[in-house]
N, C-alpha and C. Protein backbone atom coordinates (compact mmCIF):
# COMPACT_ATOMS: atom_id res chain seq x y z
N MET A 1 -263.39 -60.78 -128.81
CA MET A 1 -263.13 -60.80 -127.13
C MET A 1 -262.18 -61.40 -126.95
N SER A 2 -260.98 -61.94 -127.83
CA SER A 2 -259.57 -62.21 -127.56
C SER A 2 -259.13 -60.93 -128.03
N ALA A 3 -259.60 -59.66 -128.47
CA ALA A 3 -258.53 -58.62 -129.06
C ALA A 3 -258.77 -57.63 -127.72
N LEU A 4 -260.03 -57.84 -127.24
CA LEU A 4 -260.30 -57.32 -125.87
C LEU A 4 -259.51 -57.84 -124.95
N LEU A 5 -259.28 -58.93 -124.57
CA LEU A 5 -258.27 -59.50 -123.31
C LEU A 5 -256.87 -59.14 -123.58
N ARG A 6 -256.05 -59.29 -124.64
CA ARG A 6 -255.27 -58.93 -125.31
C ARG A 6 -254.66 -57.28 -125.07
N GLU A 7 -255.92 -56.44 -125.18
CA GLU A 7 -255.73 -55.05 -125.45
C GLU A 7 -255.40 -54.86 -123.41
N TYR A 8 -256.79 -55.18 -122.56
CA TYR A 8 -256.47 -55.58 -121.69
C TYR A 8 -255.35 -56.04 -120.80
N SER A 9 -254.90 -56.98 -121.41
CA SER A 9 -253.63 -58.04 -120.61
C SER A 9 -252.31 -56.61 -121.14
N ILE A 10 -252.12 -56.06 -122.39
CA ILE A 10 -251.08 -55.43 -122.50
C ILE A 10 -251.06 -53.93 -121.65
N SER A 11 -252.45 -53.36 -121.37
CA SER A 11 -252.44 -52.25 -120.47
C SER A 11 -252.03 -52.38 -119.40
N ARG A 12 -252.03 -53.50 -118.92
CA ARG A 12 -251.80 -53.83 -117.25
C ARG A 12 -250.19 -54.06 -117.35
N LEU A 13 -249.62 -54.74 -118.01
CA LEU A 13 -248.14 -55.20 -118.56
C LEU A 13 -247.94 -53.44 -118.85
N ASP A 14 -248.43 -52.70 -119.31
CA ASP A 14 -247.64 -51.25 -119.58
C ASP A 14 -247.91 -50.49 -118.27
N GLY A 15 -249.06 -50.79 -117.06
CA GLY A 15 -248.97 -50.35 -115.89
C GLY A 15 -247.73 -50.74 -114.97
N VAL A 16 -247.05 -51.93 -115.06
CA VAL A 16 -246.69 -52.50 -114.37
C VAL A 16 -245.19 -51.85 -115.04
N LEU A 17 -244.99 -51.97 -116.08
CA LEU A 17 -243.82 -51.77 -116.65
C LEU A 17 -243.47 -50.03 -116.82
N GLU A 18 -244.30 -49.19 -116.38
CA GLU A 18 -244.24 -47.57 -116.09
C GLU A 18 -243.71 -47.82 -114.25
N GLU A 19 -244.49 -48.63 -113.46
CA GLU A 19 -244.01 -48.34 -112.16
C GLU A 19 -242.57 -49.02 -111.94
N ILE A 20 -242.11 -49.81 -112.98
CA ILE A 20 -240.75 -50.65 -112.82
C ILE A 20 -239.82 -49.19 -113.09
N GLY A 21 -240.10 -48.48 -114.23
CA GLY A 21 -239.53 -47.33 -114.69
C GLY A 21 -238.93 -46.54 -113.59
N ARG A 22 -240.01 -46.45 -112.73
CA ARG A 22 -240.03 -45.35 -111.57
C ARG A 22 -239.06 -46.18 -110.02
N LEU A 23 -239.83 -47.34 -110.60
CA LEU A 23 -238.43 -47.50 -109.37
C LEU A 23 -237.01 -48.09 -109.58
N LYS A 24 -236.61 -47.62 -110.83
CA LYS A 24 -235.46 -47.85 -111.24
C LYS A 24 -234.87 -46.70 -110.83
N GLU A 25 -235.36 -45.90 -110.81
CA GLU A 25 -234.62 -44.40 -109.97
C GLU A 25 -234.61 -43.98 -109.01
N SER A 26 -234.98 -45.08 -108.16
CA SER A 26 -234.17 -45.47 -106.79
C SER A 26 -233.19 -45.68 -106.47
N GLU A 27 -232.46 -45.18 -105.21
CA GLU A 27 -230.75 -45.40 -104.73
C GLU A 27 -231.01 -46.67 -104.37
N PHE A 28 -230.44 -47.44 -104.88
CA PHE A 28 -230.51 -49.13 -104.32
C PHE A 28 -229.05 -49.15 -103.47
N PRO A 29 -229.18 -49.65 -102.09
CA PRO A 29 -228.13 -49.60 -101.74
C PRO A 29 -227.03 -50.96 -101.78
N TYR A 30 -227.37 -52.12 -102.79
CA TYR A 30 -226.86 -52.61 -102.99
C TYR A 30 -227.14 -53.57 -104.65
N VAL A 31 -226.51 -53.68 -105.25
CA VAL A 31 -226.88 -53.89 -106.73
C VAL A 31 -227.94 -55.25 -107.23
N HIS A 32 -227.61 -55.66 -106.03
CA HIS A 32 -228.46 -57.45 -106.35
C HIS A 32 -230.04 -56.88 -106.51
N SER A 33 -230.80 -56.01 -105.52
CA SER A 33 -231.90 -55.27 -105.66
C SER A 33 -231.89 -54.49 -107.35
N ARG A 34 -231.61 -54.20 -107.62
CA ARG A 34 -230.71 -53.72 -108.92
C ARG A 34 -231.61 -54.78 -110.11
N ASP A 35 -230.29 -55.53 -109.99
CA ASP A 35 -230.79 -57.10 -110.91
C ASP A 35 -231.65 -57.92 -110.54
N ALA A 36 -232.65 -57.84 -109.74
CA ALA A 36 -233.91 -58.67 -109.80
C ALA A 36 -234.84 -57.64 -110.36
N LEU A 37 -235.12 -56.33 -110.09
CA LEU A 37 -235.90 -55.35 -110.88
C LEU A 37 -235.45 -55.72 -112.40
N ALA A 38 -234.57 -55.81 -112.71
CA ALA A 38 -234.23 -55.79 -113.84
C ALA A 38 -234.59 -57.53 -114.94
N ARG A 39 -234.73 -58.28 -114.23
CA ARG A 39 -235.00 -59.15 -114.09
C ARG A 39 -236.65 -59.49 -114.32
N ILE A 40 -237.50 -58.72 -113.61
CA ILE A 40 -238.94 -58.92 -113.73
C ILE A 40 -239.11 -58.02 -114.72
N GLU A 41 -238.24 -56.92 -114.89
CA GLU A 41 -239.05 -56.28 -115.78
C GLU A 41 -238.71 -56.99 -117.30
N GLN A 42 -237.94 -57.68 -117.54
CA GLN A 42 -237.26 -58.75 -118.90
C GLN A 42 -238.30 -59.56 -119.16
N LEU A 43 -239.06 -60.07 -117.84
CA LEU A 43 -240.22 -61.13 -117.53
C LEU A 43 -241.26 -60.01 -118.61
N PHE A 44 -241.45 -59.33 -117.99
CA PHE A 44 -243.01 -58.20 -118.36
C PHE A 44 -242.61 -57.57 -119.99
N LEU A 45 -241.30 -57.35 -120.25
CA LEU A 45 -241.15 -56.92 -121.48
C LEU A 45 -241.35 -58.12 -122.55
N SER A 46 -241.28 -59.48 -122.20
CA SER A 46 -241.30 -60.55 -123.19
C SER A 46 -242.26 -60.99 -123.42
N HIS A 47 -243.55 -60.87 -121.93
CA HIS A 47 -245.06 -61.20 -122.42
C HIS A 47 -245.39 -60.05 -122.97
N LYS A 48 -245.43 -58.70 -123.13
CA LYS A 48 -245.64 -57.38 -124.22
C LYS A 48 -244.84 -57.94 -125.20
N ALA A 49 -243.93 -58.44 -125.68
CA ALA A 49 -244.13 -58.33 -126.49
C ALA A 49 -244.57 -59.79 -127.20
N THR A 50 -244.60 -60.85 -126.73
CA THR A 50 -245.68 -61.75 -127.26
C THR A 50 -246.97 -61.40 -127.53
N LEU A 51 -247.27 -60.90 -126.89
CA LEU A 51 -248.31 -60.47 -126.66
C LEU A 51 -249.03 -59.56 -128.02
N GLY A 52 -248.06 -58.45 -128.14
CA GLY A 52 -248.04 -57.70 -129.26
C GLY A 52 -247.75 -58.06 -130.54
N GLY A 53 -247.28 -59.34 -130.38
CA GLY A 53 -246.65 -59.77 -131.68
C GLY A 53 -247.49 -61.06 -132.58
N LEU A 54 -248.74 -61.17 -131.57
CA LEU A 54 -249.40 -62.03 -131.87
C LEU A 54 -250.40 -61.54 -133.26
N PRO A 55 -250.96 -62.70 -134.25
CA PRO A 55 -251.43 -61.86 -135.39
C PRO A 55 -252.95 -61.55 -134.47
N PRO A 56 -253.76 -60.80 -135.38
CA PRO A 56 -255.20 -60.72 -135.30
C PRO A 56 -256.12 -61.80 -135.25
N ASP A 57 -255.63 -62.66 -136.21
CA ASP A 57 -256.59 -63.91 -136.45
C ASP A 57 -256.11 -65.21 -135.34
N LYS A 58 -255.22 -64.94 -134.90
CA LYS A 58 -254.50 -65.84 -133.63
C LYS A 58 -255.73 -66.31 -133.04
N ASN A 59 -255.86 -68.13 -132.99
CA ASN A 59 -257.09 -68.73 -132.32
C ASN A 59 -257.03 -68.15 -131.03
N PRO A 60 -258.47 -67.55 -130.52
CA PRO A 60 -258.66 -66.95 -129.50
C PRO A 60 -257.89 -67.57 -128.01
N ALA A 61 -258.33 -69.33 -128.35
CA ALA A 61 -257.69 -69.63 -127.11
C ALA A 61 -256.28 -69.88 -127.05
N ILE A 62 -255.71 -69.81 -128.15
CA ILE A 62 -254.44 -69.49 -127.84
C ILE A 62 -253.59 -68.25 -127.42
N VAL A 63 -254.63 -66.86 -127.62
CA VAL A 63 -254.41 -65.68 -126.92
C VAL A 63 -254.52 -65.43 -125.54
N GLN A 64 -256.01 -66.14 -125.20
CA GLN A 64 -256.37 -66.30 -123.63
C GLN A 64 -255.52 -66.98 -123.01
N ARG A 65 -254.57 -68.18 -123.72
CA ARG A 65 -253.32 -68.86 -122.87
C ARG A 65 -251.76 -67.65 -122.56
N PHE A 66 -251.91 -66.62 -123.54
CA PHE A 66 -250.92 -65.99 -123.59
C PHE A 66 -251.22 -64.98 -122.40
N CYS A 67 -252.54 -64.51 -122.71
CA CYS A 67 -252.99 -63.33 -121.81
C CYS A 67 -252.62 -63.70 -120.49
N SER A 68 -253.27 -65.15 -119.96
CA SER A 68 -253.47 -65.60 -118.52
C SER A 68 -252.17 -65.97 -117.96
N SER A 69 -251.03 -66.12 -119.11
CA SER A 69 -249.67 -66.47 -118.35
C SER A 69 -249.14 -65.38 -117.89
N ALA A 70 -249.37 -64.06 -118.66
CA ALA A 70 -248.87 -62.98 -118.54
C ALA A 70 -249.63 -62.15 -117.02
N LEU A 71 -250.97 -62.16 -117.20
CA LEU A 71 -251.50 -61.81 -115.61
C LEU A 71 -251.11 -62.65 -114.57
N THR A 72 -251.06 -64.13 -114.49
CA THR A 72 -250.89 -64.68 -113.80
C THR A 72 -249.44 -64.12 -113.28
N ASP A 73 -248.01 -63.90 -113.97
CA ASP A 73 -247.22 -63.41 -113.73
C ASP A 73 -247.14 -62.15 -112.93
N LEU A 74 -248.42 -61.11 -113.83
CA LEU A 74 -247.93 -59.91 -112.88
C LEU A 74 -248.64 -60.11 -111.47
N PHE A 75 -249.78 -60.93 -111.21
CA PHE A 75 -249.94 -61.11 -109.74
C PHE A 75 -249.18 -62.13 -108.76
N LYS A 76 -248.51 -62.36 -109.36
CA LYS A 76 -247.23 -63.30 -108.96
C LYS A 76 -245.75 -62.76 -108.26
N TYR A 77 -245.34 -61.56 -109.17
CA TYR A 77 -244.49 -60.63 -108.95
C TYR A 77 -244.64 -59.91 -108.86
N LEU A 78 -245.59 -59.41 -108.47
CA LEU A 78 -246.46 -57.74 -108.02
C LEU A 78 -245.89 -57.49 -106.00
N ALA A 79 -245.81 -58.51 -105.61
CA ALA A 79 -245.11 -58.47 -104.06
C ALA A 79 -243.72 -58.09 -104.52
N PHE A 80 -243.32 -58.90 -105.30
CA PHE A 80 -241.93 -58.66 -105.59
C PHE A 80 -241.33 -57.29 -105.88
N LEU A 81 -242.07 -56.70 -106.78
CA LEU A 81 -241.58 -55.58 -106.80
C LEU A 81 -241.43 -54.42 -105.82
N GLY A 82 -242.68 -54.22 -104.78
CA GLY A 82 -242.97 -53.87 -103.46
C GLY A 82 -241.41 -54.56 -102.40
N PHE A 83 -241.16 -56.01 -102.33
CA PHE A 83 -240.55 -56.48 -101.58
C PHE A 83 -239.19 -55.38 -102.31
N ILE A 84 -238.63 -55.26 -102.98
CA ILE A 84 -237.41 -54.60 -103.88
C ILE A 84 -237.58 -52.99 -103.63
N LEU A 85 -238.81 -52.78 -103.85
CA LEU A 85 -238.31 -51.00 -103.41
C LEU A 85 -238.24 -51.13 -101.94
N ARG A 86 -239.28 -51.80 -101.40
CA ARG A 86 -238.59 -51.49 -99.60
C ARG A 86 -236.93 -52.34 -99.38
N SER A 87 -236.68 -52.35 -100.18
CA SER A 87 -235.00 -52.96 -100.11
C SER A 87 -234.35 -51.58 -99.74
N THR A 88 -234.78 -50.28 -100.52
CA THR A 88 -233.95 -49.39 -100.47
C THR A 88 -234.03 -48.58 -99.34
N ASN A 89 -235.17 -48.88 -98.46
CA ASN A 89 -235.63 -48.25 -97.03
C ASN A 89 -234.31 -47.97 -96.14
N VAL A 90 -234.34 -46.58 -95.73
CA VAL A 90 -232.97 -46.67 -95.15
C VAL A 90 -233.22 -47.28 -93.20
N ARG A 91 -234.44 -47.71 -93.13
CA ARG A 91 -234.35 -48.05 -91.75
C ARG A 91 -233.91 -49.78 -91.52
N ASN A 92 -233.81 -50.06 -92.65
CA ASN A 92 -233.49 -51.44 -93.51
C ASN A 92 -231.88 -51.85 -92.66
N ALA A 93 -231.54 -53.18 -92.03
CA ALA A 93 -230.44 -53.37 -91.11
C ALA A 93 -229.27 -53.65 -92.11
N PHE A 94 -229.03 -52.49 -92.72
CA PHE A 94 -227.47 -52.74 -93.69
C PHE A 94 -226.61 -53.05 -92.83
N GLU A 95 -226.49 -53.25 -92.07
CA GLU A 95 -225.08 -53.45 -91.45
C GLU A 95 -224.52 -55.34 -91.77
N VAL A 96 -225.97 -55.68 -91.56
CA VAL A 96 -226.15 -57.65 -91.48
C VAL A 96 -225.92 -57.97 -93.01
N TYR A 97 -226.30 -57.14 -93.90
CA TYR A 97 -226.16 -57.14 -95.33
C TYR A 97 -224.81 -58.41 -95.79
N GLY A 98 -223.63 -57.75 -95.61
CA GLY A 98 -222.61 -58.23 -96.18
C GLY A 98 -222.37 -59.50 -95.04
N PRO A 99 -222.46 -59.64 -94.11
CA PRO A 99 -222.57 -60.95 -93.25
C PRO A 99 -223.28 -61.95 -93.75
N LEU A 100 -224.36 -61.88 -93.95
CA LEU A 100 -225.22 -62.74 -94.52
C LEU A 100 -225.29 -63.01 -96.23
N LEU A 101 -225.03 -62.32 -97.03
CA LEU A 101 -224.67 -62.34 -98.29
C LEU A 101 -223.26 -63.46 -98.21
N ARG A 102 -222.01 -63.16 -97.43
CA ARG A 102 -221.08 -63.78 -97.36
C ARG A 102 -221.32 -65.07 -97.24
N LEU A 103 -222.42 -65.39 -95.97
CA LEU A 103 -222.49 -66.77 -95.71
C LEU A 103 -223.67 -67.34 -96.73
N SER A 104 -224.15 -66.89 -97.52
CA SER A 104 -225.02 -67.13 -98.40
C SER A 104 -224.34 -67.67 -99.53
N GLN A 105 -223.67 -67.10 -99.99
CA GLN A 105 -222.64 -67.26 -100.51
C GLN A 105 -221.52 -69.04 -100.87
N LEU A 106 -220.87 -68.54 -99.22
CA LEU A 106 -220.43 -69.46 -98.88
C LEU A 106 -221.30 -71.03 -98.87
N ILE A 107 -222.30 -71.01 -98.39
CA ILE A 107 -223.24 -72.61 -98.56
C ILE A 107 -223.84 -72.52 -99.90
N LEU A 108 -224.68 -71.56 -100.41
CA LEU A 108 -225.03 -71.83 -101.77
C LEU A 108 -224.22 -71.53 -103.01
N GLY A 109 -222.96 -70.77 -102.82
CA GLY A 109 -222.49 -70.78 -103.93
C GLY A 109 -222.13 -69.24 -104.63
N PRO A 110 -220.84 -68.92 -105.21
CA PRO A 110 -220.50 -67.43 -105.24
C PRO A 110 -221.51 -66.68 -106.05
N ASP A 111 -222.44 -67.21 -106.70
CA ASP A 111 -223.26 -66.45 -107.57
C ASP A 111 -224.63 -66.24 -107.14
N THR A 112 -224.68 -66.18 -105.64
CA THR A 112 -225.94 -66.01 -105.01
C THR A 112 -226.12 -64.63 -104.34
N LYS A 113 -227.38 -64.50 -104.82
CA LYS A 113 -227.46 -62.84 -104.73
C LYS A 113 -228.37 -62.61 -103.39
N LEU A 114 -228.55 -61.45 -102.95
CA LEU A 114 -229.28 -61.09 -101.54
C LEU A 114 -229.84 -60.01 -101.54
N ILE A 115 -231.12 -60.10 -101.16
CA ILE A 115 -232.11 -58.64 -101.35
C ILE A 115 -232.19 -59.24 -99.80
N LEU A 116 -232.39 -57.77 -98.78
CA LEU A 116 -233.00 -57.60 -97.51
C LEU A 116 -233.88 -56.74 -97.76
N SER A 117 -235.12 -56.63 -97.02
CA SER A 117 -236.24 -55.82 -96.86
C SER A 117 -237.02 -55.81 -96.00
N SER A 118 -238.10 -54.99 -95.62
CA SER A 118 -238.57 -54.49 -94.51
C SER A 118 -239.78 -55.19 -94.65
N GLU A 119 -240.66 -55.62 -93.68
CA GLU A 119 -241.97 -56.16 -94.05
C GLU A 119 -243.16 -55.91 -93.32
N TRP A 120 -244.27 -56.01 -93.52
CA TRP A 120 -245.33 -55.45 -92.13
C TRP A 120 -245.92 -56.92 -91.68
N GLU A 121 -246.28 -57.78 -92.46
CA GLU A 121 -246.89 -59.24 -92.31
C GLU A 121 -246.25 -59.93 -91.51
N ASP A 122 -245.67 -59.88 -90.98
CA ASP A 122 -244.87 -60.83 -89.69
C ASP A 122 -244.16 -60.05 -88.94
N TYR A 123 -243.79 -61.09 -87.89
CA TYR A 123 -243.49 -60.71 -86.57
C TYR A 123 -241.83 -61.34 -86.36
N SER A 124 -241.63 -62.20 -87.20
CA SER A 124 -240.28 -63.19 -87.46
C SER A 124 -239.29 -62.35 -88.94
N PRO A 125 -238.17 -62.69 -89.24
CA PRO A 125 -237.81 -62.97 -90.10
C PRO A 125 -238.38 -64.22 -90.88
N PHE A 126 -238.14 -63.60 -92.48
CA PHE A 126 -238.78 -64.83 -92.94
C PHE A 126 -238.13 -64.98 -94.83
N THR A 127 -238.18 -65.79 -95.31
CA THR A 127 -237.37 -65.94 -96.66
C THR A 127 -238.71 -66.45 -98.12
N TYR A 128 -238.41 -65.74 -98.91
CA TYR A 128 -239.58 -66.55 -100.04
C TYR A 128 -238.74 -67.76 -100.19
N ARG A 129 -239.21 -68.51 -101.13
CA ARG A 129 -239.09 -70.20 -101.32
C ARG A 129 -238.61 -69.60 -103.02
N PRO A 130 -237.88 -70.36 -103.43
CA PRO A 130 -236.89 -70.14 -104.45
C PRO A 130 -238.13 -69.90 -105.79
N ILE A 131 -237.85 -68.66 -106.18
CA ILE A 131 -238.54 -67.88 -107.31
C ILE A 131 -237.96 -68.25 -108.72
N ALA A 132 -238.97 -68.23 -110.08
CA ALA A 132 -238.10 -69.13 -110.91
C ALA A 132 -237.98 -67.82 -112.02
N GLU A 133 -238.31 -66.50 -111.74
CA GLU A 133 -237.36 -65.83 -112.53
C GLU A 133 -236.27 -64.93 -112.06
N LEU A 134 -235.88 -64.92 -110.82
CA LEU A 134 -235.03 -64.80 -109.71
C LEU A 134 -234.19 -66.17 -109.04
N PRO A 135 -233.12 -66.71 -109.95
CA PRO A 135 -233.05 -67.93 -109.71
C PRO A 135 -231.36 -67.01 -108.93
N ASN A 136 -231.01 -68.18 -108.09
CA ASN A 136 -229.73 -67.80 -107.27
C ASN A 136 -230.09 -66.61 -105.75
N PHE A 137 -231.82 -65.92 -105.93
CA PHE A 137 -231.64 -64.74 -105.45
C PHE A 137 -231.80 -65.77 -104.14
N VAL A 138 -231.79 -64.53 -102.87
CA VAL A 138 -232.55 -65.05 -101.25
C VAL A 138 -232.78 -63.89 -101.25
N LEU A 139 -234.16 -63.66 -100.73
CA LEU A 139 -234.85 -62.66 -100.56
C LEU A 139 -235.13 -62.62 -98.87
N ILE A 140 -234.73 -62.14 -98.02
CA ILE A 140 -235.18 -61.92 -96.59
C ILE A 140 -235.44 -61.45 -96.21
N GLY A 141 -237.16 -60.80 -95.16
CA GLY A 141 -237.78 -59.98 -95.11
C GLY A 141 -237.52 -59.82 -93.79
N PHE A 142 -237.36 -58.57 -92.93
CA PHE A 142 -237.44 -58.20 -91.59
C PHE A 142 -238.37 -58.30 -91.33
N PRO A 143 -238.77 -57.72 -90.01
CA PRO A 143 -240.47 -57.27 -89.95
C PRO A 143 -240.12 -56.09 -89.40
N ALA A 144 -240.72 -55.19 -89.56
CA ALA A 144 -240.57 -53.56 -89.65
C ALA A 144 -240.98 -53.17 -88.22
N PRO A 145 -242.41 -54.20 -87.20
CA PRO A 145 -242.32 -53.66 -86.44
C PRO A 145 -241.62 -54.29 -85.30
N GLU A 146 -240.75 -54.92 -85.14
CA GLU A 146 -239.45 -55.63 -84.80
C GLU A 146 -238.15 -54.98 -84.84
N SER A 147 -238.32 -53.89 -85.53
CA SER A 147 -237.08 -53.37 -85.99
C SER A 147 -235.66 -52.84 -84.68
N SER A 148 -236.53 -53.14 -83.39
CA SER A 148 -235.63 -52.75 -82.82
C SER A 148 -235.16 -53.97 -81.25
N ASN A 149 -235.78 -55.19 -82.10
CA ASN A 149 -235.58 -56.28 -81.73
C ASN A 149 -234.49 -56.74 -82.21
N PRO A 150 -232.84 -56.95 -81.25
CA PRO A 150 -231.92 -57.65 -81.63
C PRO A 150 -231.42 -59.03 -82.16
N LEU A 151 -232.64 -59.99 -81.31
CA LEU A 151 -232.52 -61.41 -82.24
C LEU A 151 -233.27 -61.73 -83.50
N LEU A 152 -233.56 -60.51 -84.09
CA LEU A 152 -233.72 -60.62 -85.76
C LEU A 152 -232.73 -61.28 -86.50
N ILE A 153 -231.09 -60.73 -86.27
CA ILE A 153 -230.15 -61.24 -86.80
C ILE A 153 -229.88 -62.57 -86.95
N PRO A 154 -230.12 -63.14 -85.50
CA PRO A 154 -229.94 -64.86 -85.74
C PRO A 154 -231.49 -65.17 -86.46
N LEU A 155 -232.17 -64.45 -85.86
CA LEU A 155 -233.39 -65.90 -86.84
C LEU A 155 -233.46 -65.18 -88.49
N ALA A 156 -232.84 -64.09 -88.88
CA ALA A 156 -232.68 -64.07 -90.40
C ALA A 156 -231.39 -65.30 -90.81
N GLY A 157 -230.81 -66.01 -89.93
CA GLY A 157 -229.72 -66.91 -90.28
C GLY A 157 -230.55 -67.95 -90.28
N HIS A 158 -231.50 -68.12 -89.59
CA HIS A 158 -232.22 -69.37 -89.48
C HIS A 158 -233.04 -69.44 -90.66
N GLU A 159 -233.56 -68.16 -91.18
CA GLU A 159 -234.41 -68.19 -91.99
C GLU A 159 -233.46 -68.59 -93.29
N LEU A 160 -232.35 -67.97 -92.94
CA LEU A 160 -231.30 -68.35 -94.52
C LEU A 160 -231.50 -70.48 -94.88
N GLY A 161 -231.30 -70.88 -93.00
CA GLY A 161 -231.72 -72.08 -93.55
C GLY A 161 -232.33 -72.62 -94.16
N HIS A 162 -233.80 -72.04 -94.24
CA HIS A 162 -235.03 -72.77 -94.77
C HIS A 162 -234.76 -72.93 -96.61
N THR A 163 -233.80 -71.29 -96.92
CA THR A 163 -233.72 -71.33 -98.71
C THR A 163 -232.62 -72.31 -98.47
N ILE A 164 -231.30 -72.64 -97.69
CA ILE A 164 -230.51 -73.58 -98.18
C ILE A 164 -231.46 -74.89 -98.06
N TRP A 165 -232.33 -75.37 -97.08
CA TRP A 165 -232.64 -76.70 -97.42
C TRP A 165 -233.58 -76.95 -98.32
N ASN A 166 -234.25 -75.59 -98.78
CA ASN A 166 -235.42 -75.89 -100.33
C ASN A 166 -234.07 -75.91 -101.55
N VAL A 167 -233.04 -75.28 -101.37
CA VAL A 167 -232.36 -74.83 -102.48
C VAL A 167 -231.67 -76.30 -102.85
N ARG A 168 -231.21 -76.89 -101.53
CA ARG A 168 -230.26 -78.26 -101.76
C ARG A 168 -230.95 -79.60 -101.51
N ASP A 169 -232.44 -78.97 -101.72
CA ASP A 169 -233.33 -80.46 -101.84
C ASP A 169 -232.75 -81.23 -100.41
N LEU A 170 -232.81 -80.79 -99.33
CA LEU A 170 -232.13 -81.75 -98.07
C LEU A 170 -233.30 -82.42 -97.24
N SER A 171 -234.83 -82.26 -97.57
CA SER A 171 -235.46 -83.01 -97.59
C SER A 171 -235.59 -84.27 -97.95
N SER A 172 -235.38 -84.18 -99.12
CA SER A 172 -235.36 -85.79 -99.80
C SER A 172 -234.26 -86.59 -99.17
N LYS A 173 -233.09 -86.07 -99.03
CA LYS A 173 -232.19 -86.54 -97.90
C LYS A 173 -232.22 -86.73 -96.64
N TYR A 174 -232.62 -86.24 -95.63
CA TYR A 174 -233.06 -86.69 -94.19
C TYR A 174 -234.50 -87.06 -94.40
N LYS A 175 -235.79 -86.65 -94.55
CA LYS A 175 -236.87 -86.99 -94.20
C LYS A 175 -237.03 -88.26 -94.15
N LYS A 176 -236.31 -89.29 -94.45
CA LYS A 176 -237.11 -90.52 -94.20
C LYS A 176 -235.85 -90.75 -92.98
N ARG A 177 -234.78 -90.18 -92.85
CA ARG A 177 -234.09 -90.79 -91.46
C ARG A 177 -234.62 -90.23 -90.00
N ILE A 178 -235.40 -88.82 -90.50
CA ILE A 178 -236.16 -87.78 -89.15
C ILE A 178 -237.64 -88.44 -88.99
N GLU A 179 -237.94 -89.11 -90.07
CA GLU A 179 -239.07 -90.21 -90.16
C GLU A 179 -238.88 -91.18 -88.87
N GLU A 180 -238.06 -92.21 -89.25
CA GLU A 180 -237.53 -93.63 -88.78
C GLU A 180 -236.85 -92.91 -87.27
N LYS A 181 -236.72 -92.06 -87.00
CA LYS A 181 -236.33 -91.33 -85.02
C LYS A 181 -237.36 -91.51 -84.64
N ILE A 182 -238.15 -90.84 -85.41
CA ILE A 182 -239.48 -90.21 -84.35
C ILE A 182 -240.22 -91.74 -84.11
N ILE A 183 -240.45 -92.43 -85.57
CA ILE A 183 -241.22 -93.76 -85.20
C ILE A 183 -240.57 -94.47 -84.13
N ALA A 184 -239.32 -94.67 -84.08
CA ALA A 184 -238.44 -95.26 -83.11
C ALA A 184 -238.69 -94.88 -81.66
N GLU A 185 -238.59 -93.56 -81.42
CA GLU A 185 -238.81 -92.84 -79.97
C GLU A 185 -240.44 -93.29 -79.67
N ILE A 186 -241.13 -93.13 -80.90
CA ILE A 186 -242.53 -93.28 -80.15
C ILE A 186 -242.60 -94.66 -79.66
N ARG A 187 -241.88 -95.57 -80.87
CA ARG A 187 -242.01 -97.00 -80.22
C ARG A 187 -241.48 -97.26 -78.57
N GLU A 188 -240.35 -96.78 -78.46
CA GLU A 188 -239.69 -96.67 -77.61
C GLU A 188 -240.21 -96.46 -76.64
N HIS A 189 -241.15 -95.43 -76.09
CA HIS A 189 -241.60 -94.82 -75.27
C HIS A 189 -243.42 -94.57 -75.59
N PHE A 190 -243.70 -95.93 -76.30
CA PHE A 190 -245.14 -95.79 -76.35
C PHE A 190 -245.92 -96.44 -74.99
N ASP A 191 -245.52 -96.36 -74.17
CA ASP A 191 -246.15 -97.38 -72.79
C ASP A 191 -246.30 -95.61 -72.38
N ASP A 192 -245.16 -94.46 -72.03
CA ASP A 192 -245.52 -93.71 -71.35
C ASP A 192 -246.79 -92.68 -72.12
């Protein structure tokens, strides 16, 4: 059973690695998309090497754990491959890339990388939470159905604020103070 699971996992990894190979042939307007693609590719190559290097008589529970880890990462990072592919789309707002990158690097540090892409799931821009395999990356998705809306640019800045909040762990710094202020306001206006 563990041999079948390993074979299945390796075949899934091969499929994704083939797709990454095709994605690498795309014309990327900015190097950060290509950098993210290389990091994700390296993750899957590492999983494949690990699974391929396991001896046939390896404990099935251990094989299952390695396979589970590889398949979990496949499901976790598949959406990012689509995001990276859409970052090549000519409909993206490439004119805001420079200003958002400068702002990101000014606030989060000079090693910060930015990927802008179109999205079809939301009606306002959004950012992904920090991603383990993509440290120092900020991913901002612009809603394709709203591409003619000029308010997307300031909203993208707002979304960048969510990344800053998470990366700098500002919640731990401000949460207690905010709660205290809210409770004080409620108590002050309790009769109302």
